[in-house]
Amino acid sequence: MTADDLQVAREFLETLAVAAKTGERDELLPLLTADVAWLIPQTDLHGIDEVREGLTWLTPHDRLEIDFEMDEMTDLGEGRIVSDVREIYSMKENGEFAYARDRRIELTIREGKIARYEMRIVG
């Protein structure tokens, strides 16, 4: 894993976390290639236009706050980086724990941008 790829992956995941909390997706789009593949359970989006229109799930929840814990990134070679992420949900009104979900995120980086995002449910 090159230091540049690692930095791209970190910046992307940090921006994605902010977008998940705020619903503001505009900062995420410049980090993606024009032909990006965005693969999440039950939804495959191909190309920046489909991603722009299809990321409707990136909206803040009315009653829940989300935080993320991310494991170290692992180099899979050829610009591919994987990390396990734990999504932790708490109640907005009082901060009490609601639930947590585990995800595995695999990124493919090409020319300093995310060319493929794949998120899998792992727990």
N, C-alpha and C. Protein backbone atom coordinates (compact mmCIF):
# COMPACT_ATOMS: atom_id res chain seq x y z
N MET A 1 0.86 -1.17 0.00
CA MET A 1 0.00 0.00 0.00
C MET A 1 0.90 1.22 0.00
N THR A 2 0.69 2.08 -0.95
CA THR A 2 1.49 3.28 -0.96
C THR A 2 0.95 4.27 0.06
N ALA A 3 1.80 5.17 0.48
CA ALA A 3 1.38 6.20 1.42
C ALA A 3 0.29 7.06 0.79
N ASP A 4 0.39 7.30 -0.52
CA ASP A 4 -0.63 8.09 -1.21
C ASP A 4 -1.98 7.38 -1.19
N ASP A 5 -2.00 6.08 -1.48
CA ASP A 5 -3.25 5.32 -1.45
C ASP A 5 -3.86 5.32 -0.06
N LEU A 6 -3.03 5.15 0.94
CA LEU A 6 -3.50 5.17 2.32
C LEU A 6 -4.12 6.51 2.66
N GLN A 7 -3.49 7.59 2.25
CA GLN A 7 -4.04 8.93 2.51
C GLN A 7 -5.36 9.13 1.78
N VAL A 8 -5.46 8.68 0.54
CA VAL A 8 -6.71 8.79 -0.22
C VAL A 8 -7.81 8.01 0.50
N ALA A 9 -7.50 6.80 0.94
CA ALA A 9 -8.49 5.98 1.63
C ALA A 9 -8.94 6.64 2.93
N ARG A 10 -8.01 7.15 3.71
CA ARG A 10 -8.36 7.82 4.97
C ARG A 10 -9.24 9.03 4.72
N GLU A 11 -8.84 9.86 3.77
CA GLU A 11 -9.63 11.07 3.47
C GLU A 11 -11.04 10.68 3.02
N PHE A 12 -11.13 9.67 2.17
CA PHE A 12 -12.44 9.23 1.69
C PHE A 12 -13.30 8.73 2.85
N LEU A 13 -12.77 7.86 3.69
CA LEU A 13 -13.55 7.30 4.79
C LEU A 13 -13.96 8.36 5.80
N GLU A 14 -13.09 9.32 6.06
CA GLU A 14 -13.44 10.42 6.95
C GLU A 14 -14.56 11.27 6.35
N THR A 15 -14.47 11.54 5.05
CA THR A 15 -15.50 12.33 4.37
C THR A 15 -16.81 11.56 4.32
N LEU A 16 -16.74 10.25 4.10
CA LEU A 16 -17.93 9.41 4.09
C LEU A 16 -18.61 9.42 5.46
N ALA A 17 -17.83 9.36 6.53
CA ALA A 17 -18.39 9.40 7.89
C ALA A 17 -19.13 10.71 8.13
N VAL A 18 -18.56 11.82 7.70
CA VAL A 18 -19.22 13.12 7.85
C VAL A 18 -20.51 13.15 7.04
N ALA A 19 -20.46 12.63 5.81
CA ALA A 19 -21.65 12.61 4.95
C ALA A 19 -22.74 11.76 5.58
N ALA A 20 -22.38 10.64 6.20
CA ALA A 20 -23.37 9.78 6.85
C ALA A 20 -24.03 10.49 8.03
N LYS A 21 -23.28 11.34 8.72
CA LYS A 21 -23.82 12.06 9.87
C LYS A 21 -24.66 13.26 9.46
N THR A 22 -24.24 13.95 8.40
CA THR A 22 -24.87 15.22 8.04
C THR A 22 -25.79 15.14 6.82
N GLY A 23 -25.60 14.15 5.98
CA GLY A 23 -26.35 14.06 4.73
C GLY A 23 -25.74 14.88 3.62
N GLU A 24 -24.66 15.58 3.90
CA GLU A 24 -23.98 16.42 2.90
C GLU A 24 -23.05 15.54 2.07
N ARG A 25 -23.45 15.22 0.85
CA ARG A 25 -22.69 14.31 -0.01
C ARG A 25 -21.74 15.02 -0.96
N ASP A 26 -21.88 16.32 -1.12
CA ASP A 26 -21.11 17.05 -2.13
C ASP A 26 -19.60 16.92 -1.97
N GLU A 27 -19.12 16.85 -0.73
CA GLU A 27 -17.68 16.74 -0.48
C GLU A 27 -17.14 15.37 -0.89
N LEU A 28 -18.01 14.39 -0.96
CA LEU A 28 -17.62 13.02 -1.29
C LEU A 28 -17.38 12.83 -2.78
N LEU A 29 -18.17 13.48 -3.59
CA LEU A 29 -18.15 13.25 -5.04
C LEU A 29 -16.80 13.55 -5.71
N PRO A 30 -16.08 14.61 -5.36
CA PRO A 30 -14.79 14.85 -6.01
C PRO A 30 -13.73 13.79 -5.70
N LEU A 31 -13.97 12.95 -4.71
CA LEU A 31 -13.02 11.91 -4.34
C LEU A 31 -13.21 10.64 -5.17
N LEU A 32 -14.24 10.62 -6.03
CA LEU A 32 -14.60 9.44 -6.82
C LEU A 32 -14.21 9.62 -8.28
N THR A 33 -13.86 8.51 -8.94
CA THR A 33 -13.62 8.56 -10.38
C THR A 33 -14.96 8.70 -11.10
N ALA A 34 -14.92 9.15 -12.34
CA ALA A 34 -16.15 9.32 -13.12
C ALA A 34 -16.86 7.99 -13.34
N ASP A 35 -16.10 6.90 -13.40
CA ASP A 35 -16.70 5.58 -13.66
C ASP A 35 -16.76 4.72 -12.39
N VAL A 36 -16.86 5.35 -11.25
CA VAL A 36 -16.85 4.65 -9.97
C VAL A 36 -17.92 3.55 -9.92
N ALA A 37 -17.59 2.46 -9.27
CA ALA A 37 -18.56 1.40 -8.96
C ALA A 37 -18.82 1.48 -7.46
N TRP A 38 -20.07 1.66 -7.08
CA TRP A 38 -20.47 1.80 -5.68
C TRP A 38 -21.38 0.63 -5.36
N LEU A 39 -20.87 -0.32 -4.60
CA LEU A 39 -21.57 -1.58 -4.37
C LEU A 39 -21.89 -1.74 -2.88
N ILE A 40 -23.16 -1.75 -2.58
CA ILE A 40 -23.62 -1.97 -1.22
C ILE A 40 -24.73 -3.02 -1.30
N PRO A 41 -25.06 -3.67 -0.19
CA PRO A 41 -26.09 -4.70 -0.26
C PRO A 41 -27.36 -4.19 -0.94
N GLN A 42 -27.80 -4.93 -1.92
CA GLN A 42 -29.04 -4.69 -2.66
C GLN A 42 -29.00 -3.46 -3.56
N THR A 43 -27.84 -2.84 -3.72
CA THR A 43 -27.74 -1.68 -4.60
C THR A 43 -26.36 -1.63 -5.24
N ASP A 44 -26.34 -1.56 -6.56
CA ASP A 44 -25.10 -1.34 -7.30
C ASP A 44 -25.27 -0.08 -8.13
N LEU A 45 -24.39 0.87 -7.92
CA LEU A 45 -24.41 2.11 -8.68
C LEU A 45 -23.13 2.18 -9.50
N HIS A 46 -23.25 2.61 -10.75
CA HIS A 46 -22.09 2.68 -11.63
C HIS A 46 -22.02 4.06 -12.27
N GLY A 47 -20.92 4.73 -12.06
CA GLY A 47 -20.71 6.06 -12.61
C GLY A 47 -21.10 7.13 -11.61
N ILE A 48 -20.44 8.25 -11.73
CA ILE A 48 -20.63 9.35 -10.77
C ILE A 48 -22.06 9.87 -10.75
N ASP A 49 -22.74 9.89 -11.90
CA ASP A 49 -24.11 10.38 -11.93
C ASP A 49 -25.06 9.48 -11.15
N GLU A 50 -24.92 8.16 -11.31
CA GLU A 50 -25.75 7.24 -10.55
C GLU A 50 -25.46 7.34 -9.06
N VAL A 51 -24.21 7.50 -8.71
CA VAL A 51 -23.85 7.64 -7.30
C VAL A 51 -24.46 8.93 -6.73
N ARG A 52 -24.35 10.01 -7.47
CA ARG A 52 -24.89 11.30 -7.01
C ARG A 52 -26.39 11.16 -6.74
N GLU A 53 -27.12 10.51 -7.63
CA GLU A 53 -28.56 10.37 -7.49
C GLU A 53 -28.96 9.25 -6.53
N GLY A 54 -28.13 8.21 -6.43
CA GLY A 54 -28.52 7.02 -5.69
C GLY A 54 -28.11 6.98 -4.23
N LEU A 55 -27.33 7.92 -3.77
CA LEU A 55 -26.89 7.89 -2.37
C LEU A 55 -27.94 8.50 -1.44
N THR A 56 -29.17 8.11 -1.64
CA THR A 56 -30.25 8.65 -0.81
C THR A 56 -30.17 8.18 0.63
N TRP A 57 -29.48 7.05 0.88
CA TRP A 57 -29.34 6.55 2.25
C TRP A 57 -28.46 7.45 3.09
N LEU A 58 -27.70 8.33 2.46
CA LEU A 58 -26.83 9.23 3.23
C LEU A 58 -27.64 10.43 3.71
N THR A 59 -28.57 10.17 4.59
CA THR A 59 -29.35 11.24 5.20
C THR A 59 -29.34 11.02 6.71
N PRO A 60 -29.20 12.08 7.47
CA PRO A 60 -29.17 11.90 8.92
C PRO A 60 -30.50 11.35 9.43
N HIS A 61 -30.42 10.51 10.43
CA HIS A 61 -31.61 9.92 11.04
C HIS A 61 -32.20 10.92 12.03
N ASP A 62 -33.51 10.94 12.12
CA ASP A 62 -34.18 11.88 13.02
C ASP A 62 -33.87 11.63 14.49
N ARG A 63 -33.77 10.36 14.87
CA ARG A 63 -33.64 10.04 16.30
C ARG A 63 -32.31 9.43 16.68
N LEU A 64 -31.51 9.04 15.69
CA LEU A 64 -30.27 8.35 15.99
C LEU A 64 -29.05 9.14 15.53
N GLU A 65 -28.00 9.05 16.31
CA GLU A 65 -26.69 9.62 15.98
C GLU A 65 -25.78 8.45 15.63
N ILE A 66 -24.91 8.63 14.64
CA ILE A 66 -24.02 7.55 14.24
C ILE A 66 -22.57 7.96 14.45
N ASP A 67 -21.79 7.01 14.95
CA ASP A 67 -20.34 7.17 15.07
C ASP A 67 -19.69 5.93 14.48
N PHE A 68 -18.41 6.05 14.16
CA PHE A 68 -17.70 4.97 13.50
C PHE A 68 -16.41 4.65 14.22
N GLU A 69 -16.11 3.36 14.31
CA GLU A 69 -14.81 2.88 14.76
C GLU A 69 -14.24 2.09 13.59
N MET A 70 -13.02 2.43 13.19
CA MET A 70 -12.42 1.79 12.03
C MET A 70 -11.16 1.05 12.42
N ASP A 71 -11.04 -0.19 11.95
CA ASP A 71 -9.81 -0.96 12.15
C ASP A 71 -8.73 -0.43 11.22
N GLU A 72 -7.52 -0.90 11.44
CA GLU A 72 -6.43 -0.56 10.55
C GLU A 72 -6.75 -1.02 9.13
N MET A 73 -6.25 -0.29 8.18
CA MET A 73 -6.45 -0.66 6.78
C MET A 73 -5.47 -1.75 6.39
N THR A 74 -5.92 -2.66 5.53
CA THR A 74 -5.10 -3.76 5.05
C THR A 74 -4.94 -3.63 3.54
N ASP A 75 -3.70 -3.77 3.09
CA ASP A 75 -3.39 -3.70 1.67
C ASP A 75 -3.68 -5.05 1.02
N LEU A 76 -4.55 -5.06 0.03
CA LEU A 76 -4.85 -6.27 -0.73
C LEU A 76 -4.09 -6.30 -2.05
N GLY A 77 -3.31 -5.26 -2.32
CA GLY A 77 -2.54 -5.17 -3.55
C GLY A 77 -3.33 -4.51 -4.67
N GLU A 78 -2.61 -4.01 -5.65
CA GLU A 78 -3.18 -3.39 -6.85
C GLU A 78 -4.15 -2.26 -6.54
N GLY A 79 -3.83 -1.45 -5.54
CA GLY A 79 -4.67 -0.30 -5.20
C GLY A 79 -5.89 -0.63 -4.37
N ARG A 80 -6.00 -1.86 -3.90
CA ARG A 80 -7.16 -2.28 -3.11
C ARG A 80 -6.82 -2.24 -1.63
N ILE A 81 -7.70 -1.62 -0.88
CA ILE A 81 -7.53 -1.45 0.56
C ILE A 81 -8.82 -1.86 1.23
N VAL A 82 -8.72 -2.58 2.35
CA VAL A 82 -9.90 -3.02 3.08
C VAL A 82 -9.78 -2.61 4.55
N SER A 83 -10.94 -2.31 5.14
CA SER A 83 -10.98 -2.00 6.55
C SER A 83 -12.33 -2.44 7.12
N ASP A 84 -12.31 -2.94 8.33
CA ASP A 84 -13.54 -3.26 9.04
C ASP A 84 -13.97 -2.01 9.80
N VAL A 85 -15.26 -1.75 9.76
CA VAL A 85 -15.83 -0.55 10.38
C VAL A 85 -17.00 -0.97 11.25
N ARG A 86 -17.06 -0.41 12.42
CA ARG A 86 -18.19 -0.63 13.32
C ARG A 86 -19.01 0.66 13.35
N GLU A 87 -20.28 0.53 13.00
CA GLU A 87 -21.21 1.65 13.08
C GLU A 87 -21.89 1.58 14.45
N ILE A 88 -21.82 2.66 15.20
CA ILE A 88 -22.40 2.70 16.55
C ILE A 88 -23.50 3.76 16.56
N TYR A 89 -24.69 3.31 16.86
CA TYR A 89 -25.86 4.20 16.87
C TYR A 89 -26.26 4.48 18.30
N SER A 90 -26.54 5.74 18.59
CA SER A 90 -27.02 6.15 19.91
C SER A 90 -28.21 7.09 19.72
N MET A 91 -29.01 7.20 20.77
CA MET A 91 -30.19 8.06 20.73
C MET A 91 -29.75 9.52 20.79
N LYS A 92 -30.28 10.35 19.89
CA LYS A 92 -29.92 11.77 19.86
C LYS A 92 -30.36 12.48 21.14
N GLU A 93 -31.52 12.12 21.65
CA GLU A 93 -32.08 12.85 22.78
C GLU A 93 -31.30 12.67 24.08
N ASN A 94 -30.68 11.49 24.28
CA ASN A 94 -30.00 11.27 25.55
C ASN A 94 -28.63 10.60 25.42
N GLY A 95 -28.21 10.27 24.22
CA GLY A 95 -26.90 9.67 24.00
C GLY A 95 -26.80 8.20 24.35
N GLU A 96 -27.90 7.56 24.72
CA GLU A 96 -27.87 6.15 25.09
C GLU A 96 -27.61 5.28 23.86
N PHE A 97 -26.86 4.21 24.09
CA PHE A 97 -26.56 3.24 23.04
C PHE A 97 -27.85 2.65 22.50
N ALA A 98 -27.97 2.57 21.16
CA ALA A 98 -29.13 1.94 20.53
C ALA A 98 -28.74 0.58 19.95
N TYR A 99 -27.73 0.55 19.08
CA TYR A 99 -27.24 -0.70 18.50
C TYR A 99 -25.96 -0.43 17.72
N ALA A 100 -25.32 -1.50 17.29
CA ALA A 100 -24.09 -1.39 16.50
C ALA A 100 -24.16 -2.39 15.36
N ARG A 101 -23.46 -2.07 14.26
CA ARG A 101 -23.37 -2.97 13.10
C ARG A 101 -21.93 -2.98 12.61
N ASP A 102 -21.50 -4.16 12.16
CA ASP A 102 -20.15 -4.30 11.62
C ASP A 102 -20.20 -4.37 10.11
N ARG A 103 -19.28 -3.67 9.48
CA ARG A 103 -19.20 -3.61 8.03
C ARG A 103 -17.75 -3.84 7.61
N ARG A 104 -17.58 -4.33 6.41
CA ARG A 104 -16.27 -4.41 5.79
C ARG A 104 -16.32 -3.53 4.54
N ILE A 105 -15.39 -2.60 4.46
CA ILE A 105 -15.32 -1.69 3.33
C ILE A 105 -14.05 -1.99 2.55
N GLU A 106 -14.24 -2.25 1.26
CA GLU A 106 -13.11 -2.47 0.37
C GLU A 106 -13.10 -1.35 -0.68
N LEU A 107 -11.96 -0.72 -0.79
CA LEU A 107 -11.79 0.38 -1.74
C LEU A 107 -10.78 0.00 -2.80
N THR A 108 -11.01 0.46 -4.01
CA THR A 108 -10.01 0.37 -5.06
C THR A 108 -9.67 1.80 -5.46
N ILE A 109 -8.40 2.10 -5.41
CA ILE A 109 -7.92 3.46 -5.69
C ILE A 109 -7.20 3.45 -7.02
N ARG A 110 -7.58 4.41 -7.86
CA ARG A 110 -6.95 4.56 -9.16
C ARG A 110 -6.67 6.04 -9.39
N GLU A 111 -5.42 6.36 -9.63
CA GLU A 111 -5.01 7.73 -9.92
C GLU A 111 -5.48 8.72 -8.86
N GLY A 112 -5.37 8.30 -7.60
CA GLY A 112 -5.66 9.19 -6.48
C GLY A 112 -7.13 9.36 -6.15
N LYS A 113 -8.00 8.54 -6.75
CA LYS A 113 -9.43 8.63 -6.46
C LYS A 113 -10.00 7.24 -6.23
N ILE A 114 -11.18 7.21 -5.65
CA ILE A 114 -11.86 5.95 -5.39
C ILE A 114 -12.55 5.50 -6.68
N ALA A 115 -12.13 4.35 -7.19
CA ALA A 115 -12.72 3.79 -8.40
C ALA A 115 -13.77 2.73 -8.07
N ARG A 116 -13.68 2.18 -6.87
CA ARG A 116 -14.64 1.15 -6.45
C ARG A 116 -14.80 1.22 -4.95
N TYR A 117 -16.05 1.24 -4.51
CA TYR A 117 -16.40 1.19 -3.09
C TYR A 117 -17.33 -0.01 -2.92
N GLU A 118 -16.92 -0.93 -2.07
CA GLU A 118 -17.79 -2.07 -1.79
C GLU A 118 -17.92 -2.23 -0.29
N MET A 119 -19.16 -2.21 0.18
CA MET A 119 -19.44 -2.36 1.59
C MET A 119 -20.23 -3.65 1.78
N ARG A 120 -19.75 -4.49 2.71
CA ARG A 120 -20.42 -5.74 3.02
C ARG A 120 -20.79 -5.78 4.49
N ILE A 121 -21.91 -6.39 4.77
CA ILE A 121 -22.35 -6.59 6.17
C ILE A 121 -21.58 -7.80 6.70
N VAL A 122 -20.93 -7.63 7.84
CA VAL A 122 -20.18 -8.73 8.43
C VAL A 122 -20.65 -9.07 9.84
N GLY A 123 -21.59 -8.35 10.34
CA GLY A 123 -22.10 -8.66 11.67
C GLY A 123 -23.27 -7.82 12.05
